[in-house]
Amino acid sequence: MSRTNSKLYFELGEQLPKQYPELNFDNHCYWRIALDNVLQGKWRDKIPAPAYKHLTDDQLDYVIHLLKSYSRDQRLLLQHNENSLRYRGKIK
């Protein structure tokens, strides 16, 4: 993973909780949501932790794309959160 992508991955995850304080999500929630949607399942079942070290370049690019998209589209964020919770068996 490039240093730029790594830095952006962390910056976006830190920025989103400040943007959406009403959601009461911690930074790891945004990473979980994006990772689960990119990997189409509970990310820890697909790759080892820490996730950012085990993503392909394409997967990392897509995670960053989603994190950026979440900053512009709260509805997408909430839809992807529901997907993530379904992958994890938290909702039907």
Protein backbone atom coordinates (compact mmCIF):
# COMPACT_ATOMS: atom_id res chain seq x y z
CA MET A 1 0.00 0.00 0.00
CA SER A 2 1.33 3.40 -0.87
CA ARG A 3 2.05 5.87 1.89
CA THR A 4 -0.48 8.29 0.35
CA ASN A 5 -3.28 5.71 0.35
CA SER A 6 -2.47 4.64 3.89
CA LYS A 7 -2.55 8.23 5.09
CA LEU A 8 -5.83 8.94 3.26
CA TYR A 9 -7.43 5.76 4.65
CA PHE A 10 -6.76 6.94 8.20
CA GLU A 11 -7.59 10.61 7.58
CA LEU A 12 -11.00 9.78 6.12
CA GLY A 13 -11.82 7.42 8.97
CA GLU A 14 -10.96 10.13 11.46
CA GLN A 15 -12.87 12.86 9.60
CA LEU A 16 -16.22 11.10 9.24
CA PRO A 17 -17.16 10.90 12.97
CA LYS A 18 -16.65 14.67 13.16
CA GLN A 19 -18.85 15.18 10.13
CA TYR A 20 -21.67 12.98 11.43
CA PRO A 21 -21.65 13.35 15.23
CA GLU A 22 -25.38 12.59 15.33
CA LEU A 23 -24.69 9.02 14.13
CA ASN A 24 -22.53 8.27 17.15
CA PHE A 25 -20.22 6.04 15.07
CA ASP A 26 -16.57 5.72 16.06
CA ASN A 27 -13.92 5.87 13.33
CA HIS A 28 -13.67 2.08 13.20
CA CYS A 29 -17.38 1.92 12.28
CA TYR A 30 -16.73 3.79 9.04
CA TRP A 31 -13.84 1.49 8.20
CA ARG A 32 -16.01 -1.55 9.03
CA ILE A 33 -18.80 -0.31 6.81
CA ALA A 34 -16.53 0.37 3.84
CA LEU A 35 -14.47 -2.81 4.29
CA ASP A 36 -17.52 -5.06 4.62
CA ASN A 37 -19.06 -3.54 1.50
CA VAL A 38 -15.87 -3.86 -0.54
CA LEU A 39 -15.29 -7.45 0.57
CA GLN A 40 -19.03 -8.30 0.51
CA GLY A 41 -19.00 -9.89 3.93
CA LYS A 42 -17.59 -9.49 7.42
CA TRP A 43 -14.12 -8.29 6.57
CA ARG A 44 -12.41 -10.29 9.33
CA ASP A 45 -13.77 -13.46 7.72
CA LYS A 46 -12.11 -12.45 4.44
CA ILE A 47 -8.72 -11.01 5.41
CA PRO A 48 -6.60 -10.84 8.57
CA ALA A 49 -6.29 -7.75 10.74
CA PRO A 50 -5.20 -5.06 10.38
CA ALA A 51 -7.34 -4.82 7.27
CA TYR A 52 -5.51 -1.96 5.60
CA LYS A 53 -2.33 -4.07 5.44
CA HIS A 54 -4.05 -6.99 3.73
CA LEU A 55 -6.13 -5.28 1.06
CA THR A 56 -5.13 -5.42 -2.58
CA ASP A 57 -4.41 -2.04 -4.16
CA ASP A 58 -7.77 -2.17 -5.96
CA GLN A 59 -9.62 -3.01 -2.75
CA LEU A 60 -7.89 -0.19 -0.90
CA ASP A 61 -8.73 2.24 -3.70
CA TYR A 62 -12.38 1.19 -3.47
CA VAL A 63 -12.44 1.54 0.34
CA ILE A 64 -11.06 5.06 -0.03
CA HIS A 65 -13.62 5.80 -2.75
CA LEU A 66 -16.43 4.66 -0.44
CA LEU A 67 -15.12 6.67 2.52
CA LYS A 68 -15.02 9.77 0.30
CA SER A 69 -18.52 8.98 -0.96
CA TYR A 70 -19.80 8.70 2.60
CA SER A 71 -18.63 12.24 3.28
CA ARG A 72 -20.89 13.44 0.44
CA ASP A 73 -23.80 11.02 0.77
CA GLN A 74 -25.15 10.13 4.20
CA ARG A 75 -27.89 7.98 2.64
CA LEU A 76 -25.27 5.78 0.96
CA LEU A 77 -23.43 5.53 4.28
CA LEU A 78 -26.59 4.37 6.06
CA GLN A 79 -27.43 1.88 3.28
CA HIS A 80 -23.92 0.45 3.48
CA ASN A 81 -24.15 0.27 7.26
CA GLU A 82 -27.28 -1.85 6.87
CA ASN A 83 -25.42 -4.10 4.40
CA SER A 84 -22.59 -4.45 6.90
CA LEU A 85 -24.93 -5.31 9.75
CA ARG A 86 -26.62 -7.93 7.54
CA TYR A 87 -23.25 -9.47 6.69
CA ARG A 88 -22.65 -9.72 10.42
CA GLY A 89 -26.04 -11.22 11.22
CA LYS A 90 -27.11 -8.19 13.28
CA ILE A 91 -30.20 -7.50 11.15
CA LYS A 92 -32.23 -9.51 8.63
